[in-house]
Amino acid sequence: MDFSNDMRLERAAPGLWLLLAALCLAAVGPAYVNHDAAWYLYMVDRWRDGASLYREVVDTNPPLIIWLTAPAVLAHAAGIGAPLLFKL
């Protein structure tokens, strides 16, 4: 059985993934986030300002999503757009 085609695909895969990610980001645009992502960004922003998670801002998902969203909001304080960082 000849696996030479599979090897070429594996070598090309990192470049293909990068191209696919760039196309997805370009298609959606850096400013738009859906309502779910916007809510997570809002929750982390409120949390950063001192609100109690799951008391003052409530979501039905487990807290891990808040921790995964936190770097985007914290970097937003440095002047980088939170929606763009969230997508990356």
C-alpha atoms as a PDB file:
ATOM      1  CA  MET A   1       0.000   0.000   0.000  1.00  0.00           C
ATOM      2  CA  ASP A   2       1.379   3.420  -0.982  1.00  0.00           C
ATOM      3  CA  PHE A   3       1.204   6.048   1.746  1.00  0.00           C
ATOM      4  CA  SER A   4       3.220   8.707  -0.093  1.00  0.00           C
ATOM      5  CA  ASN A   5       0.104  10.852  -0.648  1.00  0.00           C
ATOM      6  CA  ASP A   6      -0.627  10.767   3.092  1.00  0.00           C
ATOM      7  CA  MET A   7       2.906  11.956   3.875  1.00  0.00           C
ATOM      8  CA  ARG A   8       2.564  14.947   1.548  1.00  0.00           C
ATOM      9  CA  LEU A   9      -0.720  15.873   3.228  1.00  0.00           C
ATOM     10  CA  GLU A  10       0.877  15.677   6.677  1.00  0.00           C
ATOM     11  CA  ARG A  11       3.746  17.941   5.607  1.00  0.00           C
ATOM     12  CA  ALA A  12       1.320  20.438   4.060  1.00  0.00           C
ATOM     13  CA  ALA A  13      -1.109  20.324   6.998  1.00  0.00           C
ATOM     14  CA  PRO A  14       0.432  23.157   9.120  1.00  0.00           C
ATOM     15  CA  GLY A  15       0.303  25.555   6.178  1.00  0.00           C
ATOM     16  CA  LEU A  16      -3.232  24.477   5.319  1.00  0.00           C
ATOM     17  CA  TRP A  17      -4.373  25.009   8.911  1.00  0.00           C
ATOM     18  CA  LEU A  18      -2.850  28.482   8.954  1.00  0.00           C
ATOM     19  CA  LEU A  19      -4.521  29.350   5.648  1.00  0.00           C
ATOM     20  CA  LEU A  20      -7.853  28.021   6.883  1.00  0.00           C
ATOM     21  CA  ALA A  21      -7.597  30.035  10.120  1.00  0.00           C
ATOM     22  CA  ALA A  22      -6.749  33.210   8.164  1.00  0.00           C
ATOM     23  CA  LEU A  23      -9.698  32.661   5.812  1.00  0.00           C
ATOM     24  CA  CYS A  24     -12.087  32.074   8.723  1.00  0.00           C
ATOM     25  CA  LEU A  25     -10.894  35.198  10.483  1.00  0.00           C
ATOM     26  CA  ALA A  26     -11.196  37.229   7.287  1.00  0.00           C
ATOM     27  CA  ALA A  27     -14.680  35.868   6.594  1.00  0.00           C
ATOM     28  CA  VAL A  28     -16.018  36.695  10.033  1.00  0.00           C
ATOM     29  CA  GLY A  29     -14.070  39.902  10.528  1.00  0.00           C
ATOM     30  CA  PRO A  30     -12.335  41.099  13.665  1.00  0.00           C
ATOM     31  CA  ALA A  31     -15.194  43.215  15.053  1.00  0.00           C
ATOM     32  CA  TYR A  32     -18.133  40.793  14.996  1.00  0.00           C
ATOM     33  CA  VAL A  33     -18.685  38.160  17.672  1.00  0.00           C
ATOM     34  CA  ASN A  34     -21.840  36.129  18.086  1.00  0.00           C
ATOM     35  CA  HIS A  35     -24.119  36.599  21.084  1.00  0.00           C
ATOM     36  CA  ASP A  36     -22.531  33.742  23.071  1.00  0.00           C
ATOM     37  CA  ALA A  37     -18.998  35.067  22.683  1.00  0.00           C
ATOM     38  CA  ALA A  38     -20.171  38.599  23.451  1.00  0.00           C
ATOM     39  CA  TRP A  39     -21.782  37.360  26.668  1.00  0.00           C
ATOM     40  CA  TYR A  40     -18.563  35.624  27.768  1.00  0.00           C
ATOM     41  CA  LEU A  41     -16.549  38.758  27.056  1.00  0.00           C
ATOM     42  CA  TYR A  42     -19.081  40.788  29.038  1.00  0.00           C
ATOM     43  CA  MET A  43     -18.993  38.329  31.980  1.00  0.00           C
ATOM     44  CA  VAL A  44     -15.202  38.429  32.186  1.00  0.00           C
ATOM     45  CA  ASP A  45     -15.215  42.217  31.937  1.00  0.00           C
ATOM     46  CA  ARG A  46     -17.689  42.430  34.828  1.00  0.00           C
ATOM     47  CA  TRP A  47     -15.641  39.855  36.772  1.00  0.00           C
ATOM     48  CA  ARG A  48     -12.509  41.948  36.211  1.00  0.00           C
ATOM     49  CA  ASP A  49     -14.392  44.954  37.600  1.00  0.00           C
ATOM     50  CA  GLY A  50     -15.238  43.065  40.812  1.00  0.00           C
ATOM     51  CA  ALA A  51     -18.573  41.330  40.102  1.00  0.00           C
ATOM     52  CA  SER A  52     -19.138  37.880  41.607  1.00  0.00           C
ATOM     53  CA  LEU A  53     -19.420  35.201  38.963  1.00  0.00           C
ATOM     54  CA  TYR A  54     -22.623  33.144  39.118  1.00  0.00           C
ATOM     55  CA  ARG A  55     -24.104  35.633  41.607  1.00  0.00           C
ATOM     56  CA  GLU A  56     -24.084  39.000  39.832  1.00  0.00           C
ATOM     57  CA  VAL A  57     -23.522  37.667  36.311  1.00  0.00           C
ATOM     58  CA  VAL A  58     -24.969  34.247  35.594  1.00  0.00           C
ATOM     59  CA  ASP A  59     -24.413  31.741  32.814  1.00  0.00           C
ATOM     60  CA  THR A  60     -25.530  28.144  32.463  1.00  0.00           C
ATOM     61  CA  ASN A  61     -22.095  26.936  31.336  1.00  0.00           C
ATOM     62  CA  PRO A  62     -19.358  25.816  33.725  1.00  0.00           C
ATOM     63  CA  PRO A  63     -16.770  28.394  34.887  1.00  0.00           C
ATOM     64  CA  LEU A  64     -14.046  27.025  32.576  1.00  0.00           C
ATOM     65  CA  ILE A  65     -15.379  29.135  29.685  1.00  0.00           C
ATOM     66  CA  ILE A  66     -14.810  32.246  31.800  1.00  0.00           C
ATOM     67  CA  TRP A  67     -11.209  31.257  32.486  1.00  0.00           C
ATOM     68  CA  LEU A  68     -10.655  30.562  28.770  1.00  0.00           C
ATOM     69  CA  THR A  69     -12.114  33.961  27.839  1.00  0.00           C
ATOM     70  CA  ALA A  70     -10.154  35.902  30.486  1.00  0.00           C
ATOM     71  CA  PRO A  71      -6.916  36.383  28.491  1.00  0.00           C
ATOM     72  CA  ALA A  72      -8.781  38.224  25.724  1.00  0.00           C
ATOM     73  CA  VAL A  73     -10.416  40.644  28.141  1.00  0.00           C
ATOM     74  CA  LEU A  74      -7.276  41.170  30.187  1.00  0.00           C
ATOM     75  CA  ALA A  75      -5.283  41.912  27.026  1.00  0.00           C
ATOM     76  CA  HIS A  76      -8.015  44.363  26.037  1.00  0.00           C
ATOM     77  CA  ALA A  77      -6.787  46.542  28.906  1.00  0.00           C
ATOM     78  CA  ALA A  78      -3.483  46.747  27.019  1.00  0.00           C
ATOM     79  CA  GLY A  79      -5.277  48.256  24.023  1.00  0.00           C
ATOM     80  CA  ILE A  80      -5.766  45.132  21.915  1.00  0.00           C
ATOM     81  CA  GLY A  81      -9.331  44.367  20.777  1.00  0.00           C
ATOM     82  CA  ALA A  82     -10.992  41.675  22.891  1.00  0.00           C
ATOM     83  CA  PRO A  83     -13.157  40.280  20.033  1.00  0.00           C
ATOM     84  CA  LEU A  84     -10.095  39.753  17.841  1.00  0.00           C
ATOM     85  CA  LEU A  85      -8.155  38.071  20.652  1.00  0.00           C
ATOM     86  CA  PHE A  86     -11.160  35.918  21.512  1.00  0.00           C
ATOM     87  CA  LYS A  87     -11.296  34.637  17.942  1.00  0.00           C
ATOM     88  CA  LEU A  88      -7.577  33.957  17.833  1.00  0.00           C
END
